[in-house]
All heavy atoms as atom14 arrays in JSON, in Angstrom:
{
  "sequence": "KAVERAKEDQVEFRFGSASEFYLFKKDEHGNPTSVPYD",
  "atom14_mask": [
    [1, 1, 1, 1, 1, 1, 1, 1, 1, 0, 0, 0, 0, 0],
    [1, 1, 1, 1, 1, 0, 0, 0, 0, 0, 0, 0, 0, 0],
    [1, 1, 1, 1, 1, 1, 1, 0, 0, 0, 0, 0, 0, 0],
    [1, 1, 1, 1, 1, 1, 1, 1, 1, 0, 0, 0, 0, 0],
    [1, 1, 1, 1, 1, 1, 1, 1, 1, 1, 1, 0, 0, 0],
    [1, 1, 1, 1, 1, 0, 0, 0, 0, 0, 0, 0, 0, 0],
    [1, 1, 1, 1, 1, 1, 1, 1, 1, 0, 0, 0, 0, 0],
    [1, 1, 1, 1, 1, 1, 1, 1, 1, 0, 0, 0, 0, 0],
    [1, 1, 1, 1, 1, 1, 1, 1, 0, 0, 0, 0, 0, 0],
    [1, 1, 1, 1, 1, 1, 1, 1, 1, 0, 0, 0, 0, 0],
    [1, 1, 1, 1, 1, 1, 1, 0, 0, 0, 0, 0, 0, 0],
    [1, 1, 1, 1, 1, 1, 1, 1, 1, 0, 0, 0, 0, 0],
    [1, 1, 1, 1, 1, 1, 1, 1, 1, 1, 1, 0, 0, 0],
    [1, 1, 1, 1, 1, 1, 1, 1, 1, 1, 1, 0, 0, 0],
    [1, 1, 1, 1, 1, 1, 1, 1, 1, 1, 1, 0, 0, 0],
    [1, 1, 1, 1, 0, 0, 0, 0, 0, 0, 0, 0, 0, 0],
    [1, 1, 1, 1, 1, 1, 0, 0, 0, 0, 0, 0, 0, 0],
    [1, 1, 1, 1, 1, 0, 0, 0, 0, 0, 0, 0, 0, 0],
    [1, 1, 1, 1, 1, 1, 0, 0, 0, 0, 0, 0, 0, 0],
    [1, 1, 1, 1, 1, 1, 1, 1, 1, 0, 0, 0, 0, 0],
    [1, 1, 1, 1, 1, 1, 1, 1, 1, 1, 1, 0, 0, 0],
    [1, 1, 1, 1, 1, 1, 1, 1, 1, 1, 1, 1, 0, 0],
    [1, 1, 1, 1, 1, 1, 1, 1, 0, 0, 0, 0, 0, 0],
    [1, 1, 1, 1, 1, 1, 1, 1, 1, 1, 1, 0, 0, 0],
    [1, 1, 1, 1, 1, 1, 1, 1, 1, 0, 0, 0, 0, 0],
    [1, 1, 1, 1, 1, 1, 1, 1, 1, 0, 0, 0, 0, 0],
    [1, 1, 1, 1, 1, 1, 1, 1, 0, 0, 0, 0, 0, 0],
    [1, 1, 1, 1, 1, 1, 1, 1, 1, 0, 0, 0, 0, 0],
    [1, 1, 1, 1, 1, 1, 1, 1, 1, 1, 0, 0, 0, 0],
    [1, 1, 1, 1, 0, 0, 0, 0, 0, 0, 0, 0, 0, 0],
    [1, 1, 1, 1, 1, 1, 1, 1, 0, 0, 0, 0, 0, 0],
    [1, 1, 1, 1, 1, 1, 1, 0, 0, 0, 0, 0, 0, 0],
    [1, 1, 1, 1, 1, 1, 1, 0, 0, 0, 0, 0, 0, 0],
    [1, 1, 1, 1, 1, 1, 0, 0, 0, 0, 0, 0, 0, 0],
    [1, 1, 1, 1, 1, 1, 1, 0, 0, 0, 0, 0, 0, 0],
    [1, 1, 1, 1, 1, 1, 1, 0, 0, 0, 0, 0, 0, 0],
    [1, 1, 1, 1, 1, 1, 1, 1, 1, 1, 1, 1, 0, 0],
    [1, 1, 1, 1, 1, 1, 1, 1, 0, 0, 0, 0, 0, 0]
  ],
  "atom14_positions": [
    [[-18.01, 8.4, -6.7], [-18.46, 9.51, -7.48], [-17.47, 9.84, -8.62], [-17.92, 10.19, -9.69], [-18.49, 10.86, -6.53], [-19.72, 10.75, -5.5], [-19.7, 11.99, -4.72], [-20.88, 11.93, -3.81], [-20.9, 13.2, -2.9], [0.0, 0.0, 0.0], [0.0, 0.0, 0.0], [0.0, 0.0, 0.0], [0.0, 0.0, 0.0], [0.0, 0.0, 0.0]],
    [[-16.25, 9.65, -8.45], [-15.28, 9.84, -9.43], [-15.43, 8.84, -10.62], [-15.4, 9.14, -11.82], [-13.76, 9.71, -8.96], [0.0, 0.0, 0.0], [0.0, 0.0, 0.0], [0.0, 0.0, 0.0], [0.0, 0.0, 0.0], [0.0, 0.0, 0.0], [0.0, 0.0, 0.0], [0.0, 0.0, 0.0], [0.0, 0.0, 0.0], [0.0, 0.0, 0.0]],
    [[-15.66, 7.52, -10.23], [-15.99, 6.51, -11.16], [-17.27, 6.86, -12.06], [-17.33, 6.61, -13.19], [-16.09, 5.19, -10.53], [-16.59, 4.12, -11.47], [-14.7, 4.68, -9.92], [0.0, 0.0, 0.0], [0.0, 0.0, 0.0], [0.0, 0.0, 0.0], [0.0, 0.0, 0.0], [0.0, 0.0, 0.0], [0.0, 0.0, 0.0], [0.0, 0.0, 0.0]],
    [[-18.3, 7.37, -11.29], [-19.54, 7.72, -12.07], [-19.24, 8.83, -12.97], [-19.77, 8.86, -14.1], [-20.53, 8.12, -11.05], [-21.3, 6.95, -10.27], [-21.93, 6.08, -11.25], [-22.71, 6.5, -12.21], [-21.66, 4.78, -11.19], [0.0, 0.0, 0.0], [0.0, 0.0, 0.0], [0.0, 0.0, 0.0], [0.0, 0.0, 0.0], [0.0, 0.0, 0.0]],
    [[-18.43, 9.88, -12.6], [-18.07, 10.95, -13.45], [-17.42, 10.38, -14.75], [-17.69, 10.93, -15.85], [-17.19, 11.96, -12.71], [-16.4, 12.85, -13.64], [-17.25, 14.01, -14.07], [-16.55, 14.76, -15.1], [-15.45, 15.52, -14.94], [-15.0, 15.82, -13.69], [-14.88, 16.12, -16.01], [0.0, 0.0, 0.0], [0.0, 0.0, 0.0], [0.0, 0.0, 0.0]],
    [[-16.4, 9.48, -14.53], [-15.83, 8.89, -15.7], [-16.77, 8.19, -16.65], [-16.66, 8.24, -17.83], [-14.7, 8.0, -15.28], [0.0, 0.0, 0.0], [0.0, 0.0, 0.0], [0.0, 0.0, 0.0], [0.0, 0.0, 0.0], [0.0, 0.0, 0.0], [0.0, 0.0, 0.0], [0.0, 0.0, 0.0], [0.0, 0.0, 0.0], [0.0, 0.0, 0.0]],
    [[-17.72, 7.54, -15.98], [-18.7, 6.75, -16.7], [-19.59, 7.67, -17.64], [-19.91, 7.33, -18.7], [-19.51, 5.91, -15.72], [-20.5, 4.83, -16.48], [-21.22, 4.1, -15.39], [-22.23, 3.16, -16.01], [-23.0, 2.34, -15.11], [0.0, 0.0, 0.0], [0.0, 0.0, 0.0], [0.0, 0.0, 0.0], [0.0, 0.0, 0.0], [0.0, 0.0, 0.0]],
    [[-19.85, 8.75, -17.03], [-20.66, 9.7, -17.77], [-19.93, 10.18, -19.01], [-20.46, 10.51, -20.06], [-21.02, 10.97, -16.93], [-21.98, 10.72, -15.79], [-22.2, 11.82, -14.84], [-21.4, 12.91, -15.04], [-22.8, 11.7, -13.82], [0.0, 0.0, 0.0], [0.0, 0.0, 0.0], [0.0, 0.0, 0.0], [0.0, 0.0, 0.0], [0.0, 0.0, 0.0]],
    [[-18.61, 10.27, -18.91], [-17.67, 10.7, -20.09], [-17.38, 9.44, -20.86], [-16.54, 9.53, -21.83], [-16.42, 11.32, -19.5], [-16.71, 12.79, -18.93], [-17.81, 13.15, -19.07], [-15.77, 13.44, -18.64], [0.0, 0.0, 0.0], [0.0, 0.0, 0.0], [0.0, 0.0, 0.0], [0.0, 0.0, 0.0], [0.0, 0.0, 0.0], [0.0, 0.0, 0.0]],
    [[-17.95, 8.33, -20.57], [-17.69, 7.04, -21.23], [-16.18, 6.65, -21.28], [-15.58, 6.21, -22.32], [-18.14, 7.17, -22.7], [-19.57, 7.48, -22.76], [-20.21, 7.51, -24.21], [-19.65, 7.09, -25.13], [-21.4, 8.1, -24.37], [0.0, 0.0, 0.0], [0.0, 0.0, 0.0], [0.0, 0.0, 0.0], [0.0, 0.0, 0.0], [0.0, 0.0, 0.0]],
    [[-15.53, 6.94, -20.12], [-14.22, 6.54, -19.92], [-14.03, 5.49, -18.78], [-14.77, 5.62, -17.71], [-13.29, 7.79, -19.64], [-11.9, 7.34, -19.33], [-13.33, 8.75, -20.75], [0.0, 0.0, 0.0], [0.0, 0.0, 0.0], [0.0, 0.0, 0.0], [0.0, 0.0, 0.0], [0.0, 0.0, 0.0], [0.0, 0.0, 0.0], [0.0, 0.0, 0.0]],
    [[-13.19, 4.41, -18.96], [-12.98, 3.49, -17.9], [-11.57, 3.51, -17.43], [-10.64, 3.38, -18.28], [-13.42, 2.17, -18.28], [-13.16, 1.03, -17.15], [-13.59, -0.35, -17.56], [-12.78, -1.08, -18.16], [-14.72, -0.7, -17.22], [0.0, 0.0, 0.0], [0.0, 0.0, 0.0], [0.0, 0.0, 0.0], [0.0, 0.0, 0.0], [0.0, 0.0, 0.0]],
    [[-11.37, 3.73, -16.23], [-9.99, 3.68, -15.57], [-9.76, 2.36, -14.88], [-10.67, 1.67, -14.29], [-9.77, 4.8, -14.58], [-9.61, 6.16, -15.23], [-10.7, 6.85, -15.44], [-8.37, 6.69, -15.47], [-10.55, 8.15, -16.08], [-8.2, 7.88, -15.97], [-9.33, 8.61, -16.31], [0.0, 0.0, 0.0], [0.0, 0.0, 0.0], [0.0, 0.0, 0.0]],
    [[-8.53, 1.85, -15.0], [-8.16, 0.71, -14.08], [-6.68, 1.07, -13.5], [-5.93, 1.81, -14.03], [-7.99, -0.56, -14.88], [-9.38, -1.09, -15.41], [-9.36, -2.53, -15.88], [-8.52, -2.78, -17.04], [-8.8, -2.57, -18.23], [-10.11, -2.15, -18.52], [-8.1, -2.82, -19.21], [0.0, 0.0, 0.0], [0.0, 0.0, 0.0], [0.0, 0.0, 0.0]],
    [[-6.48, 0.5, -12.33], [-5.25, 0.81, -11.59], [-4.58, -0.49, -11.13], [-5.28, -1.44, -10.68], [-5.56, 1.63, -10.35], [-6.05, 3.04, -10.69], [-7.42, 3.26, -10.51], [-5.24, 4.08, -11.24], [-7.99, 4.53, -10.83], [-5.87, 5.34, -11.54], [-7.25, 5.54, -11.4], [0.0, 0.0, 0.0], [0.0, 0.0, 0.0], [0.0, 0.0, 0.0]],
    [[-3.38, -0.52, -11.28], [-2.51, -1.51, -10.63], [-1.53, -0.86, -9.67], [-1.37, 0.27, -9.67], [0.0, 0.0, 0.0], [0.0, 0.0, 0.0], [0.0, 0.0, 0.0], [0.0, 0.0, 0.0], [0.0, 0.0, 0.0], [0.0, 0.0, 0.0], [0.0, 0.0, 0.0], [0.0, 0.0, 0.0], [0.0, 0.0, 0.0], [0.0, 0.0, 0.0]],
    [[-0.98, -1.74, -8.77], [-0.1, -1.14, -7.76], [1.13, -2.05, -7.5], [1.15, -3.21, -7.71], [-0.9, -0.98, -6.38], [-1.25, -2.23, -5.91], [0.0, 0.0, 0.0], [0.0, 0.0, 0.0], [0.0, 0.0, 0.0], [0.0, 0.0, 0.0], [0.0, 0.0, 0.0], [0.0, 0.0, 0.0], [0.0, 0.0, 0.0], [0.0, 0.0, 0.0]],
    [[2.22, -1.22, -7.08], [3.4, -1.91, -6.61], [3.83, -1.24, -5.32], [4.25, 0.0, -5.38], [4.45, -1.78, -7.68], [0.0, 0.0, 0.0], [0.0, 0.0, 0.0], [0.0, 0.0, 0.0], [0.0, 0.0, 0.0], [0.0, 0.0, 0.0], [0.0, 0.0, 0.0], [0.0, 0.0, 0.0], [0.0, 0.0, 0.0], [0.0, 0.0, 0.0]],
    [[3.72, -1.86, -4.23], [3.85, -1.26, -2.88], [5.13, -1.87, -2.17], [5.27, -3.04, -2.16], [2.63, -1.42, -2.05], [2.81, -0.66, -0.91], [0.0, 0.0, 0.0], [0.0, 0.0, 0.0], [0.0, 0.0, 0.0], [0.0, 0.0, 0.0], [0.0, 0.0, 0.0], [0.0, 0.0, 0.0], [0.0, 0.0, 0.0], [0.0, 0.0, 0.0]],
    [[6.0, -0.94, -1.68], [7.17, -1.36, -0.95], [6.97, -1.2, 0.48], [6.22, -0.37, 1.0], [8.44, -0.51, -1.3], [8.72, -0.61, -2.84], [9.61, 0.52, -3.46], [9.64, 1.61, -2.75], [10.18, 0.28, -4.51], [0.0, 0.0, 0.0], [0.0, 0.0, 0.0], [0.0, 0.0, 0.0], [0.0, 0.0, 0.0], [0.0, 0.0, 0.0]],
    [[7.64, -2.04, 1.34], [7.53, -2.08, 2.75], [8.77, -2.66, 3.22], [9.38, -3.55, 2.69], [6.24, -2.75, 3.3], [6.11, -4.19, 2.82], [6.64, -5.27, 3.7], [5.64, -4.58, 1.63], [6.61, -6.54, 3.28], [5.57, -5.93, 1.31], [6.03, -6.97, 2.11], [0.0, 0.0, 0.0], [0.0, 0.0, 0.0], [0.0, 0.0, 0.0]],
    [[9.12, -2.29, 4.52], [10.26, -2.91, 5.22], [9.72, -3.91, 6.37], [8.65, -3.71, 6.88], [11.04, -1.81, 6.0], [12.07, -1.11, 5.18], [11.72, -0.14, 4.22], [13.44, -1.4, 5.31], [12.71, 0.52, 3.44], [14.37, -0.84, 4.44], [13.97, 0.21, 3.68], [14.95, 0.77, 2.8], [0.0, 0.0, 0.0], [0.0, 0.0, 0.0]],
    [[10.61, -4.91, 6.5], [10.24, -5.83, 7.61], [11.43, -5.57, 8.69], [12.6, -5.65, 8.39], [10.43, -7.29, 7.16], [9.24, -7.74, 6.24], [9.44, -9.13, 5.76], [7.84, -7.71, 6.98], [0.0, 0.0, 0.0], [0.0, 0.0, 0.0], [0.0, 0.0, 0.0], [0.0, 0.0, 0.0], [0.0, 0.0, 0.0], [0.0, 0.0, 0.0]],
    [[10.98, -5.28, 9.86], [11.98, -5.06, 10.92], [11.72, -6.18, 12.12], [10.57, -6.56, 12.29], [11.73, -3.7, 11.61], [12.17, -2.54, 10.69], [11.18, -1.64, 10.26], [13.46, -2.4, 10.32], [11.57, -0.65, 9.45], [13.81, -1.42, 9.45], [12.99, -0.46, 8.96], [0.0, 0.0, 0.0], [0.0, 0.0, 0.0], [0.0, 0.0, 0.0]],
    [[12.74, -6.4, 12.77], [12.73, -7.3, 13.9], [12.02, -6.62, 15.2], [11.95, -5.41, 15.24], [14.06, -7.76, 14.39], [14.83, -8.55, 13.32], [16.27, -8.97, 13.82], [17.02, -9.76, 12.76], [18.39, -10.12, 13.14], [0.0, 0.0, 0.0], [0.0, 0.0, 0.0], [0.0, 0.0, 0.0], [0.0, 0.0, 0.0], [0.0, 0.0, 0.0]],
    [[11.51, -7.39, 16.09], [11.07, -6.89, 17.33], [12.02, -7.23, 18.49], [12.82, -8.13, 18.4], [9.69, -7.52, 17.67], [8.62, -7.18, 16.72], [7.26, -7.81, 17.13], [6.07, -7.35, 16.24], [4.92, -7.89, 16.65], [0.0, 0.0, 0.0], [0.0, 0.0, 0.0], [0.0, 0.0, 0.0], [0.0, 0.0, 0.0], [0.0, 0.0, 0.0]],
    [[11.91, -6.43, 19.6], [12.84, -6.66, 20.74], [12.12, -7.74, 21.57], [11.18, -8.39, 21.3], [13.02, -5.35, 21.58], [11.84, -4.8, 22.17], [10.88, -5.54, 22.42], [11.77, -3.63, 22.47], [0.0, 0.0, 0.0], [0.0, 0.0, 0.0], [0.0, 0.0, 0.0], [0.0, 0.0, 0.0], [0.0, 0.0, 0.0], [0.0, 0.0, 0.0]],
    [[12.81, -8.0, 22.71], [12.47, -9.12, 23.56], [11.06, -8.96, 24.16], [10.42, -9.82, 24.67], [13.49, -9.44, 24.63], [13.7, -8.25, 25.61], [14.7, -7.34, 25.18], [14.95, -7.27, 23.94], [15.24, -6.62, 26.04], [0.0, 0.0, 0.0], [0.0, 0.0, 0.0], [0.0, 0.0, 0.0], [0.0, 0.0, 0.0], [0.0, 0.0, 0.0]],
    [[10.55, -7.71, 24.19], [9.24, -7.35, 24.72], [8.21, -7.21, 23.55], [7.08, -6.95, 23.95], [9.38, -6.07, 25.42], [10.31, -6.0, 26.62], [10.22, -6.77, 27.69], [11.5, -5.25, 26.71], [11.27, -6.58, 28.47], [12.06, -5.65, 27.87], [0.0, 0.0, 0.0], [0.0, 0.0, 0.0], [0.0, 0.0, 0.0], [0.0, 0.0, 0.0]],
    [[8.54, -7.52, 22.41], [7.61, -7.48, 21.32], [7.42, -6.13, 20.68], [6.47, -6.0, 19.93], [0.0, 0.0, 0.0], [0.0, 0.0, 0.0], [0.0, 0.0, 0.0], [0.0, 0.0, 0.0], [0.0, 0.0, 0.0], [0.0, 0.0, 0.0], [0.0, 0.0, 0.0], [0.0, 0.0, 0.0], [0.0, 0.0, 0.0], [0.0, 0.0, 0.0]],
    [[8.27, -5.2, 21.02], [8.16, -3.86, 20.46], [8.97, -3.71, 19.15], [9.95, -4.31, 19.13], [8.66, -2.8, 21.52], [7.86, -2.79, 22.75], [6.5, -2.86, 22.61], [8.47, -2.91, 23.91], [0.0, 0.0, 0.0], [0.0, 0.0, 0.0], [0.0, 0.0, 0.0], [0.0, 0.0, 0.0], [0.0, 0.0, 0.0], [0.0, 0.0, 0.0]],
    [[8.51, -2.93, 18.23], [9.2, -2.73, 16.96], [10.61, -2.12, 17.18], [10.79, -1.26, 18.06], [8.38, -1.74, 16.15], [7.03, -1.93, 16.77], [7.25, -2.17, 18.25], [0.0, 0.0, 0.0], [0.0, 0.0, 0.0], [0.0, 0.0, 0.0], [0.0, 0.0, 0.0], [0.0, 0.0, 0.0], [0.0, 0.0, 0.0], [0.0, 0.0, 0.0]],
    [[11.58, -2.57, 16.37], [12.9, -1.93, 16.35], [13.16, -1.39, 14.92], [12.29, -1.6, 14.04], [14.0, -2.99, 16.68], [14.13, -3.84, 15.56], [13.61, -3.81, 17.99], [0.0, 0.0, 0.0], [0.0, 0.0, 0.0], [0.0, 0.0, 0.0], [0.0, 0.0, 0.0], [0.0, 0.0, 0.0], [0.0, 0.0, 0.0], [0.0, 0.0, 0.0]],
    [[14.31, -0.87, 14.74], [14.68, -0.4, 13.46], [15.8, -1.34, 12.86], [16.51, -0.95, 11.96], [15.24, 1.08, 13.53], [16.37, 1.18, 14.41], [0.0, 0.0, 0.0], [0.0, 0.0, 0.0], [0.0, 0.0, 0.0], [0.0, 0.0, 0.0], [0.0, 0.0, 0.0], [0.0, 0.0, 0.0], [0.0, 0.0, 0.0], [0.0, 0.0, 0.0]],
    [[15.78, -2.54, 13.36], [16.78, -3.54, 12.9], [16.14, -4.32, 11.71], [15.16, -5.03, 11.92], [17.14, -4.59, 14.02], [18.18, -5.56, 13.44], [17.77, -3.85, 15.26], [0.0, 0.0, 0.0], [0.0, 0.0, 0.0], [0.0, 0.0, 0.0], [0.0, 0.0, 0.0], [0.0, 0.0, 0.0], [0.0, 0.0, 0.0], [0.0, 0.0, 0.0]],
    [[16.67, -4.14, 10.55], [16.04, -4.95, 9.34], [16.1, -6.42, 9.47], [17.03, -7.02, 10.18], [16.96, -4.38, 8.14], [17.66, -3.15, 8.64], [17.78, -3.38, 10.07], [0.0, 0.0, 0.0], [0.0, 0.0, 0.0], [0.0, 0.0, 0.0], [0.0, 0.0, 0.0], [0.0, 0.0, 0.0], [0.0, 0.0, 0.0], [0.0, 0.0, 0.0]],
    [[15.12, -7.04, 8.94], [15.07, -8.49, 9.0], [16.18, -9.21, 8.22], [16.57, -10.29, 8.57], [13.68, -9.0, 8.57], [13.38, -10.46, 8.61], [13.68, -11.1, 9.87], [12.85, -11.21, 7.55], [13.39, -12.44, 10.01], [12.64, -12.52, 7.66], [12.83, -13.15, 8.9], [12.55, -14.52, 9.05], [0.0, 0.0, 0.0], [0.0, 0.0, 0.0]],
    [[16.7, -8.53, 7.26], [17.85, -9.07, 6.43], [18.7, -7.98, 5.99], [18.44, -6.74, 6.12], [17.42, -10.12, 5.41], [16.57, -9.33, 4.37], [16.8, -8.17, 3.98], [15.54, -9.98, 3.87], [0.0, 0.0, 0.0], [0.0, 0.0, 0.0], [0.0, 0.0, 0.0], [0.0, 0.0, 0.0], [0.0, 0.0, 0.0], [0.0, 0.0, 0.0]]
  ]
}
């Protein structure tokens, strides 16, 4: 609906993204830990 509203106003939007995330090790049971991978 937001895109249609912009189209009515003859405006086009585009978006790019840069997303951050952490990689953590798992324990011997396969559960997440707070130990960083590096």
